[in-house]
Amino acid sequence: MHDLTPITALGGTAQRVDTVSDATLTEVAHVALACVAARRGHEATCAKTLKTLLGTAAPEPGHTATGKDHTAFWMGPDQWMLGADFDTHEDIAAQLKSHLSDTASVTEQTDAWACFDLSGPRINAVLELLCNIDLTRFDTGHATRTSIHHLGCFVICTKAGQSVRIIGPRASAGSLHHAITTAMGAAL
């Protein structure tokens, strides 16, 4: 029998936390992710089911939605990424598929992405060095796809000017982490 130990995207057994001046970067290792794409002809039914799951409408382009158990952000036309606490949603794709049935294609994404929370009163200075987001319009509940260090990433504003979640490819977690901490050092 194998004796496996789970590791974070950065290869540790615990979340990594880096602090530079008044900003903190925290590796988020406890989130389960799944992509939901409505199937042709079932878009309205899929959106209705997501509304029931989230307790609010599925997010529109550039936005997020937060429900009781799930968060979601818009990825493309009739396509969303849903996240939840890993401890209760380790099988998030199967759970979503049981609700959505044949109205959507659901794919497990947990191990495909690395998540980092960046917080502090001057994070906009860090983000200005990292990506091309119009921070004057990037408000709480907004989400966008952008390039950070040549990586396709999602940036979600959890509190305007105070905190964001950055989601990037897990295979490049080390490079993404290095880019963010380097920008923190340069900006702060």
N, C-alpha and C. Protein backbone atom coordinates (compact mmCIF):
# COMPACT_ATOMS: atom_id res chain seq x y z
N MET A 1 0.84 -1.18 0.00
CA MET A 1 0.00 0.00 0.00
C MET A 1 0.89 1.24 0.00
N HIS A 2 0.45 2.26 -0.70
CA HIS A 2 1.20 3.51 -0.78
C HIS A 2 0.97 4.35 0.46
N ASP A 3 1.99 5.06 0.85
CA ASP A 3 1.90 5.98 1.98
C ASP A 3 2.08 7.38 1.42
N LEU A 4 0.98 7.97 0.95
CA LEU A 4 1.03 9.26 0.28
C LEU A 4 0.72 10.39 1.25
N THR A 5 1.39 11.50 1.06
CA THR A 5 1.16 12.69 1.85
C THR A 5 0.71 13.80 0.91
N PRO A 6 -0.44 14.41 1.17
CA PRO A 6 -0.88 15.51 0.29
C PRO A 6 0.05 16.71 0.42
N ILE A 7 0.28 17.37 -0.70
CA ILE A 7 1.12 18.58 -0.70
C ILE A 7 0.36 19.72 -1.37
N THR A 8 0.76 20.91 -1.05
CA THR A 8 0.16 22.10 -1.65
C THR A 8 0.74 22.31 -3.05
N ALA A 9 0.22 23.28 -3.76
CA ALA A 9 0.71 23.59 -5.10
C ALA A 9 2.19 23.98 -5.09
N LEU A 10 2.65 24.55 -3.99
CA LEU A 10 4.05 24.94 -3.88
C LEU A 10 4.91 23.83 -3.30
N GLY A 11 4.32 22.66 -3.07
CA GLY A 11 5.08 21.50 -2.63
C GLY A 11 5.22 21.33 -1.14
N GLY A 12 4.54 22.14 -0.36
CA GLY A 12 4.64 22.04 1.09
C GLY A 12 3.53 21.19 1.68
N THR A 13 3.65 20.92 2.95
CA THR A 13 2.59 20.20 3.65
C THR A 13 1.62 21.16 4.32
N ALA A 14 1.94 22.45 4.32
CA ALA A 14 1.07 23.50 4.86
C ALA A 14 1.09 24.68 3.88
N GLN A 15 0.05 25.49 3.97
CA GLN A 15 -0.03 26.68 3.12
C GLN A 15 1.15 27.60 3.39
N ARG A 16 1.70 28.16 2.34
CA ARG A 16 2.80 29.10 2.49
C ARG A 16 2.23 30.51 2.64
N VAL A 17 2.80 31.28 3.53
CA VAL A 17 2.39 32.67 3.77
C VAL A 17 3.63 33.54 3.66
N ASP A 18 3.57 34.56 2.82
CA ASP A 18 4.67 35.51 2.65
C ASP A 18 4.16 36.91 2.95
N THR A 19 4.93 37.66 3.73
CA THR A 19 4.56 39.02 4.06
C THR A 19 5.68 39.95 3.63
N VAL A 20 5.31 40.99 2.91
CA VAL A 20 6.24 42.04 2.52
C VAL A 20 5.59 43.36 2.91
N SER A 21 6.23 44.09 3.80
CA SER A 21 5.69 45.34 4.32
C SER A 21 4.29 45.07 4.88
N ASP A 22 3.27 45.72 4.33
CA ASP A 22 1.91 45.54 4.85
C ASP A 22 1.04 44.67 3.94
N ALA A 23 1.65 43.88 3.08
CA ALA A 23 0.91 42.98 2.19
C ALA A 23 1.23 41.53 2.53
N THR A 24 0.23 40.69 2.40
CA THR A 24 0.40 39.27 2.70
C THR A 24 -0.09 38.45 1.51
N LEU A 25 0.71 37.47 1.13
CA LEU A 25 0.35 36.52 0.09
C LEU A 25 0.20 35.16 0.75
N THR A 26 -0.99 34.58 0.63
CA THR A 26 -1.28 33.30 1.26
C THR A 26 -1.65 32.27 0.21
N GLU A 27 -0.95 31.17 0.20
CA GLU A 27 -1.31 30.05 -0.67
C GLU A 27 -2.60 29.45 -0.11
N VAL A 28 -3.57 29.23 -0.98
CA VAL A 28 -4.86 28.67 -0.56
C VAL A 28 -4.91 27.22 -1.02
N ALA A 29 -4.88 26.31 -0.06
CA ALA A 29 -4.80 24.90 -0.40
C ALA A 29 -6.09 24.14 -0.13
N HIS A 30 -7.10 24.81 0.35
CA HIS A 30 -8.31 24.12 0.79
C HIS A 30 -9.53 24.36 -0.10
N VAL A 31 -9.30 24.70 -1.36
CA VAL A 31 -10.43 25.00 -2.24
C VAL A 31 -10.60 23.90 -3.29
N ALA A 32 -11.84 23.48 -3.49
CA ALA A 32 -12.19 22.53 -4.55
C ALA A 32 -12.76 23.34 -5.70
N LEU A 33 -12.38 23.00 -6.93
CA LEU A 33 -12.82 23.75 -8.11
C LEU A 33 -13.39 22.82 -9.17
N ALA A 34 -14.40 23.33 -9.88
CA ALA A 34 -14.96 22.60 -11.02
C ALA A 34 -15.47 23.62 -12.03
N CYS A 35 -15.34 23.27 -13.28
CA CYS A 35 -15.83 24.12 -14.37
C CYS A 35 -17.19 23.58 -14.82
N VAL A 36 -18.12 24.48 -15.02
CA VAL A 36 -19.46 24.14 -15.50
C VAL A 36 -19.69 24.86 -16.82
N ALA A 37 -19.99 24.09 -17.85
CA ALA A 37 -20.29 24.66 -19.17
C ALA A 37 -21.68 24.17 -19.59
N ALA A 38 -22.60 25.10 -19.76
CA ALA A 38 -23.96 24.73 -20.16
C ALA A 38 -23.93 24.08 -21.53
N ARG A 39 -24.73 23.04 -21.70
CA ARG A 39 -24.81 22.37 -22.99
C ARG A 39 -25.79 23.10 -23.89
N ARG A 40 -25.53 23.04 -25.19
CA ARG A 40 -26.36 23.72 -26.17
C ARG A 40 -27.82 23.31 -26.00
N GLY A 41 -28.68 24.31 -25.95
CA GLY A 41 -30.11 24.08 -25.79
C GLY A 41 -30.56 23.97 -24.34
N HIS A 42 -29.59 23.93 -23.41
CA HIS A 42 -29.91 23.79 -21.99
C HIS A 42 -29.40 24.97 -21.17
N GLU A 43 -29.04 26.05 -21.83
CA GLU A 43 -28.43 27.19 -21.14
C GLU A 43 -29.34 27.75 -20.03
N ALA A 44 -30.62 27.93 -20.33
CA ALA A 44 -31.54 28.51 -19.34
C ALA A 44 -31.74 27.58 -18.15
N THR A 45 -31.87 26.29 -18.41
CA THR A 45 -32.05 25.32 -17.32
C THR A 45 -30.80 25.25 -16.46
N CYS A 46 -29.64 25.27 -17.08
CA CYS A 46 -28.37 25.25 -16.34
C CYS A 46 -28.27 26.49 -15.46
N ALA A 47 -28.56 27.66 -16.00
CA ALA A 47 -28.49 28.90 -15.23
C ALA A 47 -29.48 28.87 -14.07
N LYS A 48 -30.65 28.31 -14.29
CA LYS A 48 -31.65 28.21 -13.23
C LYS A 48 -31.16 27.29 -12.10
N THR A 49 -30.55 26.17 -12.46
CA THR A 49 -30.02 25.24 -11.46
C THR A 49 -28.87 25.89 -10.69
N LEU A 50 -28.00 26.62 -11.39
CA LEU A 50 -26.91 27.32 -10.71
C LEU A 50 -27.46 28.37 -9.74
N LYS A 51 -28.53 29.04 -10.15
CA LYS A 51 -29.16 30.03 -9.27
C LYS A 51 -29.66 29.36 -7.99
N THR A 52 -30.22 28.17 -8.12
CA THR A 52 -30.67 27.43 -6.94
C THR A 52 -29.48 27.04 -6.06
N LEU A 53 -28.40 26.57 -6.67
CA LEU A 53 -27.21 26.17 -5.90
C LEU A 53 -26.55 27.36 -5.20
N LEU A 54 -26.43 28.47 -5.92
CA LEU A 54 -25.74 29.63 -5.39
C LEU A 54 -26.62 30.50 -4.50
N GLY A 55 -27.94 30.44 -4.73
CA GLY A 55 -28.84 31.33 -4.02
C GLY A 55 -28.89 32.71 -4.65
N THR A 56 -28.24 32.85 -5.79
CA THR A 56 -28.22 34.09 -6.56
C THR A 56 -27.94 33.71 -8.01
N ALA A 57 -28.18 34.62 -8.91
CA ALA A 57 -27.98 34.32 -10.34
C ALA A 57 -26.51 33.99 -10.62
N ALA A 58 -26.30 33.13 -11.61
CA ALA A 58 -24.94 32.83 -12.07
C ALA A 58 -24.29 34.14 -12.50
N PRO A 59 -23.01 34.31 -12.21
CA PRO A 59 -22.37 35.59 -12.50
C PRO A 59 -22.33 35.93 -13.99
N GLU A 60 -22.48 37.20 -14.24
CA GLU A 60 -22.38 37.77 -15.58
C GLU A 60 -20.90 37.96 -15.92
N PRO A 61 -20.59 38.30 -17.18
CA PRO A 61 -19.19 38.53 -17.57
C PRO A 61 -18.49 39.52 -16.64
N GLY A 62 -17.30 39.13 -16.20
CA GLY A 62 -16.48 39.99 -15.36
C GLY A 62 -16.88 40.03 -13.90
N HIS A 63 -17.76 39.12 -13.48
CA HIS A 63 -18.25 39.16 -12.10
C HIS A 63 -18.17 37.80 -11.41
N THR A 64 -18.40 37.85 -10.10
CA THR A 64 -18.44 36.66 -9.26
C THR A 64 -19.79 36.60 -8.56
N ALA A 65 -20.09 35.45 -8.00
CA ALA A 65 -21.28 35.28 -7.17
C ALA A 65 -20.88 34.40 -6.00
N THR A 66 -21.40 34.73 -4.83
CA THR A 66 -21.09 33.95 -3.64
C THR A 66 -22.39 33.43 -3.05
N GLY A 67 -22.43 32.12 -2.87
CA GLY A 67 -23.60 31.49 -2.28
C GLY A 67 -23.26 30.91 -0.92
N LYS A 68 -24.18 30.10 -0.40
CA LYS A 68 -23.99 29.50 0.91
C LYS A 68 -22.77 28.58 0.94
N ASP A 69 -22.65 27.70 -0.05
CA ASP A 69 -21.56 26.73 -0.08
C ASP A 69 -20.56 26.97 -1.21
N HIS A 70 -20.98 27.66 -2.25
CA HIS A 70 -20.16 27.81 -3.45
C HIS A 70 -19.89 29.27 -3.77
N THR A 71 -18.77 29.48 -4.45
CA THR A 71 -18.51 30.76 -5.11
C THR A 71 -18.38 30.44 -6.59
N ALA A 72 -18.63 31.41 -7.43
CA ALA A 72 -18.54 31.19 -8.87
C ALA A 72 -18.03 32.45 -9.54
N PHE A 73 -17.32 32.27 -10.64
CA PHE A 73 -16.97 33.41 -11.48
C PHE A 73 -17.15 33.02 -12.93
N TRP A 74 -17.45 34.03 -13.73
CA TRP A 74 -17.72 33.85 -15.15
C TRP A 74 -16.42 33.58 -15.89
N MET A 75 -16.42 32.55 -16.74
CA MET A 75 -15.22 32.22 -17.52
C MET A 75 -15.41 32.47 -19.01
N GLY A 76 -16.64 32.39 -19.47
CA GLY A 76 -16.96 32.55 -20.88
C GLY A 76 -18.46 32.40 -21.05
N PRO A 77 -18.97 32.56 -22.27
CA PRO A 77 -20.41 32.43 -22.48
C PRO A 77 -20.93 31.09 -21.94
N ASP A 78 -21.87 31.18 -21.00
CA ASP A 78 -22.49 30.00 -20.39
C ASP A 78 -21.47 29.05 -19.77
N GLN A 79 -20.41 29.62 -19.20
CA GLN A 79 -19.36 28.82 -18.57
C GLN A 79 -18.86 29.52 -17.31
N TRP A 80 -18.77 28.76 -16.21
CA TRP A 80 -18.37 29.31 -14.92
C TRP A 80 -17.42 28.36 -14.21
N MET A 81 -16.59 28.92 -13.35
CA MET A 81 -15.77 28.13 -12.44
C MET A 81 -16.43 28.25 -11.07
N LEU A 82 -16.69 27.10 -10.45
CA LEU A 82 -17.26 27.09 -9.12
C LEU A 82 -16.24 26.56 -8.13
N GLY A 83 -16.21 27.17 -6.97
CA GLY A 83 -15.31 26.75 -5.91
C GLY A 83 -16.07 26.54 -4.62
N ALA A 84 -15.50 25.70 -3.76
CA ALA A 84 -16.10 25.43 -2.45
C ALA A 84 -15.01 24.92 -1.52
N ASP A 85 -15.32 24.84 -0.25
CA ASP A 85 -14.38 24.33 0.73
C ASP A 85 -14.05 22.87 0.40
N PHE A 86 -12.77 22.55 0.34
CA PHE A 86 -12.35 21.21 -0.04
C PHE A 86 -12.83 20.14 0.94
N ASP A 87 -12.85 20.46 2.22
CA ASP A 87 -13.23 19.47 3.23
C ASP A 87 -14.64 18.93 3.02
N THR A 88 -15.55 19.77 2.53
CA THR A 88 -16.93 19.34 2.31
C THR A 88 -17.25 19.08 0.84
N HIS A 89 -16.34 19.45 -0.04
CA HIS A 89 -16.61 19.33 -1.48
C HIS A 89 -15.44 18.70 -2.24
N GLU A 90 -14.77 17.76 -1.62
CA GLU A 90 -13.65 17.10 -2.29
C GLU A 90 -14.07 16.53 -3.64
N ASP A 91 -15.31 16.09 -3.73
CA ASP A 91 -15.85 15.55 -4.99
C ASP A 91 -16.80 16.57 -5.65
N ILE A 92 -16.36 17.82 -5.71
CA ILE A 92 -17.21 18.91 -6.19
C ILE A 92 -17.79 18.64 -7.58
N ALA A 93 -17.01 18.07 -8.47
CA ALA A 93 -17.52 17.82 -9.83
C ALA A 93 -18.69 16.85 -9.79
N ALA A 94 -18.57 15.78 -9.02
CA ALA A 94 -19.66 14.80 -8.91
C ALA A 94 -20.89 15.43 -8.25
N GLN A 95 -20.67 16.25 -7.24
CA GLN A 95 -21.79 16.92 -6.57
C GLN A 95 -22.53 17.84 -7.54
N LEU A 96 -21.77 18.63 -8.30
CA LEU A 96 -22.40 19.54 -9.27
C LEU A 96 -23.12 18.77 -10.37
N LYS A 97 -22.49 17.71 -10.84
CA LYS A 97 -23.09 16.91 -11.91
C LYS A 97 -24.42 16.31 -11.46
N SER A 98 -24.51 15.93 -10.18
CA SER A 98 -25.77 15.36 -9.69
C SER A 98 -26.89 16.39 -9.72
N HIS A 99 -26.56 17.66 -9.55
CA HIS A 99 -27.57 18.73 -9.61
C HIS A 99 -27.86 19.16 -11.05
N LEU A 100 -26.82 19.24 -11.86
CA LEU A 100 -26.96 19.77 -13.22
C LEU A 100 -27.37 18.73 -14.25
N SER A 101 -27.14 17.48 -13.96
CA SER A 101 -27.51 16.36 -14.84
C SER A 101 -26.99 16.59 -16.25
N ASP A 102 -27.86 16.48 -17.24
CA ASP A 102 -27.44 16.62 -18.64
C ASP A 102 -27.49 18.06 -19.16
N THR A 103 -27.73 19.02 -18.27
CA THR A 103 -27.81 20.42 -18.72
C THR A 103 -26.43 21.05 -18.88
N ALA A 104 -25.39 20.40 -18.31
CA ALA A 104 -24.06 21.00 -18.36
C ALA A 104 -22.98 19.93 -18.35
N SER A 105 -21.85 20.29 -18.90
CA SER A 105 -20.65 19.46 -18.78
C SER A 105 -19.86 20.01 -17.60
N VAL A 106 -19.48 19.12 -16.70
CA VAL A 106 -18.77 19.51 -15.48
C VAL A 106 -17.41 18.82 -15.48
N THR A 107 -16.36 19.60 -15.28
CA THR A 107 -15.02 19.02 -15.22
C THR A 107 -14.33 19.41 -13.92
N GLU A 108 -13.69 18.44 -13.32
CA GLU A 108 -12.91 18.64 -12.09
C GLU A 108 -11.72 19.53 -12.41
N GLN A 109 -11.48 20.55 -11.58
CA GLN A 109 -10.40 21.49 -11.82
C GLN A 109 -9.49 21.70 -10.61
N THR A 110 -9.78 21.04 -9.51
CA THR A 110 -9.07 21.29 -8.25
C THR A 110 -7.56 21.21 -8.39
N ASP A 111 -7.07 20.15 -9.00
CA ASP A 111 -5.62 19.99 -9.09
C ASP A 111 -5.01 20.66 -10.32
N ALA A 112 -5.81 21.38 -11.07
CA ALA A 112 -5.29 22.07 -12.25
C ALA A 112 -4.86 23.51 -11.94
N TRP A 113 -5.33 24.05 -10.83
CA TRP A 113 -5.11 25.46 -10.52
C TRP A 113 -4.49 25.63 -9.14
N ALA A 114 -3.72 26.69 -9.00
CA ALA A 114 -3.17 27.11 -7.71
C ALA A 114 -3.83 28.43 -7.34
N CYS A 115 -4.18 28.57 -6.08
CA CYS A 115 -4.86 29.78 -5.62
C CYS A 115 -3.99 30.52 -4.61
N PHE A 116 -3.97 31.84 -4.75
CA PHE A 116 -3.24 32.69 -3.81
C PHE A 116 -4.13 33.87 -3.44
N ASP A 117 -4.17 34.19 -2.16
CA ASP A 117 -4.87 35.39 -1.70
C ASP A 117 -3.83 36.46 -1.39
N LEU A 118 -4.00 37.62 -2.01
CA LEU A 118 -3.12 38.77 -1.80
C LEU A 118 -3.93 39.82 -1.08
N SER A 119 -3.44 40.26 0.08
CA SER A 119 -4.19 41.25 0.85
C SER A 119 -3.27 42.32 1.42
N GLY A 120 -3.86 43.46 1.67
CA GLY A 120 -3.14 44.59 2.25
C GLY A 120 -3.65 45.89 1.66
N PRO A 121 -3.39 47.00 2.33
CA PRO A 121 -3.94 48.28 1.89
C PRO A 121 -3.31 48.84 0.61
N ARG A 122 -2.16 48.28 0.19
CA ARG A 122 -1.51 48.83 -1.01
C ARG A 122 -1.33 47.77 -2.10
N ILE A 123 -2.24 46.82 -2.17
CA ILE A 123 -2.08 45.75 -3.16
C ILE A 123 -2.22 46.24 -4.59
N ASN A 124 -2.90 47.36 -4.79
CA ASN A 124 -3.03 47.87 -6.17
C ASN A 124 -1.67 48.20 -6.77
N ALA A 125 -0.74 48.64 -5.94
CA ALA A 125 0.62 48.91 -6.44
C ALA A 125 1.28 47.62 -6.91
N VAL A 126 1.00 46.52 -6.23
CA VAL A 126 1.54 45.22 -6.62
C VAL A 126 0.88 44.76 -7.92
N LEU A 127 -0.44 44.88 -7.98
CA LEU A 127 -1.17 44.45 -9.17
C LEU A 127 -0.78 45.24 -10.42
N GLU A 128 -0.46 46.52 -10.24
CA GLU A 128 -0.04 47.34 -11.37
C GLU A 128 1.23 46.80 -12.01
N LEU A 129 2.10 46.19 -11.21
CA LEU A 129 3.32 45.60 -11.74
C LEU A 129 3.08 44.22 -12.37
N LEU A 130 2.04 43.55 -11.92
CA LEU A 130 1.79 42.17 -12.35
C LEU A 130 0.96 42.03 -13.61
N CYS A 131 -0.06 42.87 -13.77
CA CYS A 131 -1.04 42.61 -14.84
C CYS A 131 -1.67 43.91 -15.33
N ASN A 132 -2.47 43.76 -16.37
CA ASN A 132 -3.06 44.94 -17.02
C ASN A 132 -4.53 45.13 -16.67
N ILE A 133 -4.87 45.03 -15.41
CA ILE A 133 -6.24 45.25 -14.95
C ILE A 133 -6.45 46.74 -14.72
N ASP A 134 -7.60 47.26 -15.17
CA ASP A 134 -7.95 48.64 -14.89
C ASP A 134 -8.44 48.71 -13.45
N LEU A 135 -7.54 49.02 -12.53
CA LEU A 135 -7.86 48.97 -11.11
C LEU A 135 -8.82 50.06 -10.67
N THR A 136 -9.01 51.10 -11.48
CA THR A 136 -9.99 52.13 -11.14
C THR A 136 -11.41 51.60 -11.27
N ARG A 137 -11.58 50.52 -12.02
CA ARG A 137 -12.91 49.92 -12.21
C ARG A 137 -13.03 48.52 -11.62
N PHE A 138 -11.98 48.02 -11.02
CA PHE A 138 -11.96 46.66 -10.48
C PHE A 138 -12.48 46.70 -9.05
N ASP A 139 -13.75 46.39 -8.89
CA ASP A 139 -14.43 46.54 -7.62
C ASP A 139 -14.73 45.19 -6.99
N THR A 140 -15.15 45.19 -5.76
CA THR A 140 -15.53 43.96 -5.06
C THR A 140 -16.54 43.18 -5.89
N GLY A 141 -16.26 41.89 -6.07
CA GLY A 141 -17.16 41.04 -6.85
C GLY A 141 -16.82 40.97 -8.33
N HIS A 142 -15.78 41.68 -8.74
CA HIS A 142 -15.35 41.62 -10.14
C HIS A 142 -14.31 40.52 -10.31
N ALA A 143 -14.25 39.97 -11.51
CA ALA A 143 -13.27 38.93 -11.84
C ALA A 143 -12.84 39.12 -13.29
N THR A 144 -11.59 38.81 -13.57
CA THR A 144 -11.11 38.94 -14.94
C THR A 144 -10.01 37.92 -15.20
N ARG A 145 -9.85 37.62 -16.47
CA ARG A 145 -8.73 36.78 -16.87
C ARG A 145 -7.65 37.71 -17.41
N THR A 146 -6.42 37.45 -17.02
CA THR A 146 -5.31 38.29 -17.43
C THR A 146 -4.04 37.46 -17.48
N SER A 147 -2.99 38.06 -17.95
CA SER A 147 -1.69 37.39 -17.99
C SER A 147 -0.83 37.92 -16.86
N ILE A 148 -0.27 37.00 -16.09
CA ILE A 148 0.69 37.35 -15.05
C ILE A 148 1.93 36.51 -15.30
N HIS A 149 3.03 37.16 -15.57
CA HIS A 149 4.30 36.45 -15.79
C HIS A 149 4.16 35.41 -16.91
N HIS A 150 3.48 35.80 -17.98
CA HIS A 150 3.24 34.95 -19.15
C HIS A 150 2.32 33.77 -18.86
N LEU A 151 1.57 33.82 -17.78
CA LEU A 151 0.64 32.76 -17.41
C LEU A 151 -0.79 33.27 -17.48
N GLY A 152 -1.69 32.49 -18.05
CA GLY A 152 -3.10 32.84 -18.05
C GLY A 152 -3.67 32.64 -16.66
N CYS A 153 -4.11 33.72 -16.03
CA CYS A 153 -4.60 33.67 -14.65
C CYS A 153 -5.96 34.35 -14.54
N PHE A 154 -6.65 34.04 -13.47
CA PHE A 154 -7.88 34.73 -13.10
C PHE A 154 -7.57 35.56 -11.85
N VAL A 155 -8.06 36.79 -11.82
CA VAL A 155 -7.92 37.64 -10.65
C VAL A 155 -9.33 38.03 -10.21
N ILE A 156 -9.63 37.76 -8.95
CA ILE A 156 -10.96 38.00 -8.39
C ILE A 156 -10.82 39.01 -7.27
N CYS A 157 -11.57 40.10 -7.37
CA CYS A 157 -11.53 41.14 -6.34
C CYS A 157 -12.47 40.75 -5.20
N THR A 158 -11.91 40.44 -4.04
CA THR A 158 -12.73 40.08 -2.89
C THR A 158 -13.05 41.29 -2.01
N LYS A 159 -12.20 42.32 -2.06
CA LYS A 159 -12.48 43.59 -1.41
C LYS A 159 -11.66 44.66 -2.12
N ALA A 160 -12.33 45.59 -2.73
CA ALA A 160 -11.68 46.60 -3.57
C ALA A 160 -10.50 47.26 -2.87
N GLY A 161 -9.34 47.21 -3.52
CA GLY A 161 -8.13 47.85 -3.00
C GLY A 161 -7.54 47.18 -1.78
N GLN A 162 -8.14 46.07 -1.32
CA GLN A 162 -7.70 45.41 -0.09
C GLN A 162 -7.31 43.95 -0.26
N SER A 163 -8.06 43.22 -1.11
CA SER A 163 -7.75 41.80 -1.25
C SER A 163 -8.25 41.25 -2.59
N VAL A 164 -7.43 40.36 -3.14
CA VAL A 164 -7.77 39.67 -4.39
C VAL A 164 -7.38 38.20 -4.25
N ARG A 165 -8.03 37.37 -5.03
CA ARG A 165 -7.62 35.97 -5.16
C ARG A 165 -7.06 35.83 -6.57
N ILE A 166 -5.89 35.25 -6.66
CA ILE A 166 -5.24 35.00 -7.94
C ILE A 166 -5.23 33.49 -8.17
N ILE A 167 -5.76 33.07 -9.29
CA ILE A 167 -5.81 31.66 -9.63
C ILE A 167 -5.01 31.46 -10.91
N GLY A 168 -4.00 30.61 -10.83
CA GLY A 168 -3.14 30.36 -11.99
C GLY A 168 -2.87 28.88 -12.13
N PRO A 169 -2.24 28.49 -13.23
CA PRO A 169 -1.98 27.07 -13.47
C PRO A 169 -1.11 26.45 -12.37
N ARG A 170 -1.58 25.33 -11.84
CA ARG A 170 -0.84 24.66 -10.76
C ARG A 170 0.55 24.23 -11.20
N ALA A 171 0.69 23.83 -12.46
CA ALA A 171 2.00 23.40 -12.96
C ALA A 171 3.02 24.53 -12.92
N SER A 172 2.54 25.77 -12.86
CA SER A 172 3.44 26.93 -12.81
C SER A 172 3.30 27.70 -11.50
N ALA A 173 2.84 27.02 -10.45
CA ALA A 173 2.61 27.68 -9.16
C ALA A 173 3.86 28.37 -8.63
N GLY A 174 5.01 27.72 -8.77
CA GLY A 174 6.26 28.30 -8.28
C GLY A 174 6.61 29.59 -9.01
N SER A 175 6.43 29.59 -10.32
CA SER A 175 6.72 30.79 -11.12
C SER A 175 5.75 31.92 -10.78
N LEU A 176 4.47 31.57 -10.63
CA LEU A 176 3.47 32.57 -10.28
C LEU A 176 3.76 33.15 -8.90
N HIS A 177 4.06 32.31 -7.94
CA HIS A 177 4.39 32.76 -6.59
C HIS A 177 5.60 33.70 -6.63
N HIS A 178 6.63 33.31 -7.38
CA HIS A 178 7.83 34.14 -7.50
C HIS A 178 7.50 35.51 -8.09
N ALA A 179 6.66 35.53 -9.13
CA ALA A 179 6.29 36.80 -9.76
C ALA A 179 5.55 37.71 -8.79
N ILE A 180 4.63 37.13 -8.02
CA ILE A 180 3.86 37.95 -7.08
C ILE A 180 4.74 38.47 -5.96
N THR A 181 5.57 37.62 -5.36
CA THR A 181 6.42 38.09 -4.26
C THR A 181 7.47 39.08 -4.74
N THR A 182 7.95 38.91 -5.97
CA THR A 182 8.90 39.88 -6.53
C THR A 182 8.22 41.23 -6.72
N ALA A 183 6.99 41.22 -7.23
CA ALA A 183 6.24 42.47 -7.39
C ALA A 183 5.94 43.11 -6.04
N MET A 184 5.66 42.29 -5.04
CA MET A 184 5.42 42.83 -3.69
C MET A 184 6.69 43.55 -3.20
N GLY A 185 7.84 42.92 -3.38
CA GLY A 185 9.08 43.54 -2.94
C GLY A 185 9.39 44.82 -3.68
N ALA A 186 9.09 44.85 -4.98
CA ALA A 186 9.38 46.04 -5.79
C ALA A 186 8.41 47.18 -5.51
N ALA A 187 7.14 46.85 -5.26
CA ALA A 187 6.11 47.90 -5.10
C ALA A 187 6.03 48.43 -3.68
N LEU A 188 6.39 47.60 -2.73
CA LEU A 188 6.19 48.00 -1.34
C LEU A 188 7.50 48.25 -0.65
